[in-house]
Amino acid sequence: MTVLFSLSIIAICYILYLYYNQKRMLENYHSNALDAFSSHEDMKETLRIGLYNRFKRELEQEKDNDPLMFEHFVADILTTVRGGNTYVTKSSGDFGVDIEEQTENGLYLGQVKCYNDMNLVGFGPIAIIHSQMVKQGAVGGYVVTTSDFTSNARIYAEGLNIDLINGRQLVELWLEHLETKREEVEVLNPIPQM
């Protein structure tokens, strides 16, 4: 009886040892993959193009479940990275504001544009956000795109407290968001040291 009990204890310890080794190995792979994504410029460019293709709207079809998928994606990233509370506005009647973000410093208003590389964001969205900032008493704003901004848009935004976040910067924020989420999971489920 004691031999059987001893063998059972040894078997359980061995299974636990294998489990934690496997878990640690998978987490190391995940961490290394995230490091590779965040350090390799070609991978970042691929992710940027992938974001556009994932969220672009086809003229003949809307997104099946949620036509505001890109807005929610950006809002989730900004909530994690900037620490505020975000609200995605409805698709009509929002007067050009896609995201309202409440922070310790006050209200920020945002607009997102899922554009391809051939369609740079001009000064129009910046003007709309600035107008809404004045109207709603917001302390700042941002325009986020998967592409980039025209030089006129960049000049127009100077001094308006509006951040212009292009596709590359969005990928950087996304990777920061993923890293923060990974760290939160590790805090909730730490890896035991052996």
Protein backbone atom coordinates (compact mmCIF):
# COMPACT_ATOMS: atom_id res chain seq x y z
CA MET A 1 0.00 0.00 0.00
CA THR A 2 2.76 2.45 0.91
CA VAL A 3 4.68 1.53 -2.26
CA LEU A 4 1.60 2.30 -4.35
CA PHE A 5 1.10 5.56 -2.49
CA SER A 6 4.76 6.52 -2.98
CA LEU A 7 4.57 5.70 -6.69
CA SER A 8 1.42 7.81 -6.99
CA ILE A 9 3.11 10.78 -5.34
CA ILE A 10 6.15 10.41 -7.61
CA ALA A 11 3.91 10.16 -10.69
CA ILE A 12 1.95 13.29 -9.68
CA CYS A 13 5.17 15.22 -9.04
CA TYR A 14 6.56 14.14 -12.40
CA ILE A 15 3.36 15.17 -14.22
CA LEU A 16 3.40 18.56 -12.48
CA TYR A 17 7.06 18.98 -13.37
CA LEU A 18 6.30 18.23 -17.05
CA TYR A 19 3.30 20.55 -17.02
CA TYR A 20 5.24 23.53 -15.63
CA ASN A 21 8.17 22.90 -17.96
CA GLN A 22 5.82 22.82 -20.95
CA LYS A 23 4.03 25.93 -19.73
CA ARG A 24 7.30 27.83 -19.26
CA MET A 25 8.52 26.73 -22.69
CA LEU A 26 5.30 27.95 -24.37
CA GLU A 27 5.49 31.28 -22.56
CA ASN A 28 9.12 31.66 -23.65
CA TYR A 29 8.08 30.99 -27.26
CA HIS A 30 5.31 33.57 -26.93
CA SER A 31 7.69 36.13 -25.46
CA ASN A 32 10.31 35.49 -28.16
CA ALA A 33 7.68 35.77 -30.89
CA LEU A 34 6.48 39.09 -29.45
CA ASP A 35 10.10 40.32 -29.29
CA ALA A 36 10.60 39.30 -32.92
CA PHE A 37 7.45 41.14 -33.96
CA SER A 38 8.42 44.28 -32.10
CA SER A 39 12.00 44.41 -33.35
CA HIS A 40 11.67 43.50 -37.00
CA GLU A 41 10.61 46.36 -39.28
CA ASP A 42 9.45 44.08 -42.11
CA MET A 43 7.18 42.24 -39.70
CA LYS A 44 5.73 45.55 -38.50
CA GLU A 45 5.04 46.58 -42.08
CA THR A 46 3.33 43.25 -42.70
CA LEU A 47 1.21 43.75 -39.59
CA ARG A 48 0.27 47.27 -40.74
CA ILE A 49 -0.88 46.02 -44.14
CA GLY A 50 -2.67 43.15 -42.42
CA LEU A 51 -4.58 45.60 -40.22
CA TYR A 52 -5.82 47.44 -43.30
CA ASN A 53 -6.91 44.20 -44.97
CA ARG A 54 -8.57 42.93 -41.81
CA PHE A 55 -10.64 46.05 -41.18
CA LYS A 56 -11.24 47.57 -44.62
CA ARG A 57 -14.84 47.95 -45.64
CA GLU A 58 -15.95 46.55 -48.92
CA LEU A 59 -18.47 48.73 -50.74
CA GLU A 60 -20.80 45.81 -51.43
CA GLN A 61 -20.76 44.45 -47.89
CA GLU A 62 -20.56 45.78 -44.39
CA LYS A 63 -18.82 43.85 -41.66
CA ASP A 64 -21.23 41.10 -40.66
CA ASN A 65 -21.35 41.46 -36.89
CA ASP A 66 -20.00 44.93 -36.18
CA PRO A 67 -19.46 47.66 -38.77
CA LEU A 68 -17.36 49.51 -36.17
CA MET A 69 -14.76 46.76 -35.69
CA PHE A 70 -11.78 49.01 -36.46
CA GLU A 71 -13.04 51.70 -34.09
CA HIS A 72 -13.38 49.12 -31.29
CA PHE A 73 -9.94 47.69 -32.08
CA VAL A 74 -8.31 51.13 -31.80
CA ALA A 75 -10.34 52.02 -28.69
CA ASP A 76 -9.19 48.83 -26.92
CA ILE A 77 -5.56 49.60 -27.72
CA LEU A 78 -5.85 53.19 -26.52
CA THR A 79 -7.57 52.13 -23.30
CA THR A 80 -4.70 49.79 -22.49
CA VAL A 81 -1.85 52.05 -23.59
CA ARG A 82 -3.16 55.45 -22.45
CA GLY A 83 -5.11 54.31 -19.40
CA GLY A 84 -8.36 56.17 -20.04
CA ASN A 85 -11.88 54.94 -20.59
CA THR A 86 -13.01 54.87 -24.21
CA TYR A 87 -16.41 54.90 -25.81
CA VAL A 88 -17.01 54.14 -29.49
CA THR A 89 -19.75 56.38 -30.85
CA LYS A 90 -22.53 55.11 -33.07
CA SER A 91 -21.90 55.14 -36.81
CA SER A 92 -24.23 58.02 -37.63
CA GLY A 93 -24.93 61.27 -35.86
CA ASP A 94 -21.50 61.36 -34.22
CA PHE A 95 -20.44 64.53 -36.10
CA GLY A 96 -17.15 62.93 -37.10
CA VAL A 97 -16.09 61.64 -33.68
CA ASP A 98 -15.45 57.89 -33.62
CA ILE A 99 -13.97 57.55 -30.12
CA GLU A 100 -14.49 59.54 -26.94
CA GLU A 101 -11.78 58.94 -24.37
CA GLN A 102 -12.04 60.15 -20.80
CA THR A 103 -8.69 60.46 -18.99
CA GLU A 104 -7.44 62.06 -15.79
CA ASN A 105 -6.59 65.12 -17.89
CA GLY A 106 -10.03 65.38 -19.47
CA LEU A 107 -11.84 64.43 -22.65
CA TYR A 108 -10.03 63.38 -25.86
CA LEU A 109 -11.83 62.91 -29.15
CA GLY A 110 -10.66 60.61 -31.92
CA GLN A 111 -11.36 59.66 -35.47
CA VAL A 112 -10.06 56.52 -37.19
CA LYS A 113 -9.47 55.92 -40.90
CA CYS A 114 -8.82 52.46 -42.33
CA TYR A 115 -7.10 53.56 -45.54
CA ASN A 116 -4.71 51.86 -47.94
CA ASP A 117 -1.27 53.27 -48.79
CA MET A 118 -2.59 55.16 -51.81
CA ASN A 119 -5.11 57.06 -49.70
CA LEU A 120 -3.31 59.38 -47.28
CA VAL A 121 -5.36 61.22 -44.66
CA GLY A 122 -5.75 64.91 -45.45
CA PHE A 123 -6.55 67.79 -43.13
CA GLY A 124 -10.35 67.23 -43.21
CA PRO A 125 -10.56 64.74 -40.31
CA ILE A 126 -8.19 66.91 -38.27
CA ALA A 127 -10.42 69.95 -38.84
CA ILE A 128 -13.48 67.96 -37.78
CA ILE A 129 -11.82 66.71 -34.60
CA HIS A 130 -10.56 70.21 -33.78
CA SER A 131 -14.03 71.66 -34.30
CA GLN A 132 -15.55 69.01 -32.02
CA MET A 133 -12.81 69.58 -29.42
CA VAL A 134 -13.77 73.26 -29.26
CA LYS A 135 -17.49 72.48 -29.23
CA GLN A 136 -17.25 69.79 -26.52
CA GLY A 137 -14.47 71.37 -24.45
CA ALA A 138 -12.07 68.49 -25.06
CA VAL A 139 -8.43 68.88 -24.01
CA GLY A 140 -7.06 66.95 -26.98
CA GLY A 141 -7.69 64.67 -29.86
CA TYR A 142 -6.22 62.18 -32.29
CA VAL A 143 -6.66 60.83 -35.78
CA VAL A 144 -5.56 57.23 -36.32
CA THR A 145 -5.01 55.60 -39.70
CA THR A 146 -3.61 52.42 -41.18
CA SER A 147 -1.91 54.54 -43.87
CA ASP A 148 -0.26 57.93 -43.27
CA PHE A 149 -0.96 61.66 -43.38
CA THR A 150 -0.36 64.25 -46.08
CA SER A 151 2.20 66.95 -45.37
CA ASN A 152 -0.66 69.50 -45.34
CA ALA A 153 -2.43 67.45 -42.67
CA ARG A 154 0.71 67.42 -40.52
CA ILE A 155 1.14 71.18 -40.91
CA TYR A 156 -2.54 71.78 -40.14
CA ALA A 157 -2.36 69.70 -36.95
CA GLU A 158 0.58 71.63 -35.49
CA GLY A 159 -0.38 73.41 -32.29
CA LEU A 160 -3.90 71.92 -32.12
CA ASN A 161 -3.11 69.23 -29.51
CA ILE A 162 -4.19 66.55 -31.97
CA ASP A 163 -2.00 63.44 -32.25
CA LEU A 164 -1.60 61.99 -35.72
CA ILE A 165 -1.08 58.24 -35.41
CA ASN A 166 -0.10 56.57 -38.68
CA GLY A 167 -0.10 52.85 -39.49
CA ARG A 168 3.40 52.18 -38.19
CA GLN A 169 2.67 53.95 -34.92
CA LEU A 170 -0.60 52.03 -34.63
CA VAL A 171 1.30 48.74 -34.93
CA GLU A 172 3.72 49.93 -32.21
CA LEU A 173 0.77 50.77 -29.95
CA TRP A 174 -0.81 47.40 -30.72
CA LEU A 175 2.38 45.57 -29.75
CA GLU A 176 2.56 47.62 -26.55
CA HIS A 177 -1.09 46.69 -25.89
CA LEU A 178 -0.30 42.98 -26.39
CA GLU A 179 2.73 43.18 -24.09
CA THR A 180 0.65 44.86 -21.38
CA LYS A 181 -2.02 42.16 -21.70
CA ARG A 182 0.66 39.45 -21.48
CA GLU A 183 2.06 41.04 -18.32
CA GLU A 184 -1.44 41.20 -16.80
CA VAL A 185 -1.91 37.48 -17.46
CA GLU A 186 1.46 36.71 -15.86
CA VAL A 187 0.44 38.63 -12.75
CA LEU A 188 -2.79 36.65 -12.54
CA ASN A 189 -1.12 33.34 -13.39
CA PRO A 190 2.56 33.50 -12.40
CA ILE A 191 5.05 30.90 -13.53
CA PRO A 192 6.42 29.06 -10.50
CA GLN A 193 10.19 29.13 -10.26
CA MET A 194 11.80 25.72 -10.10
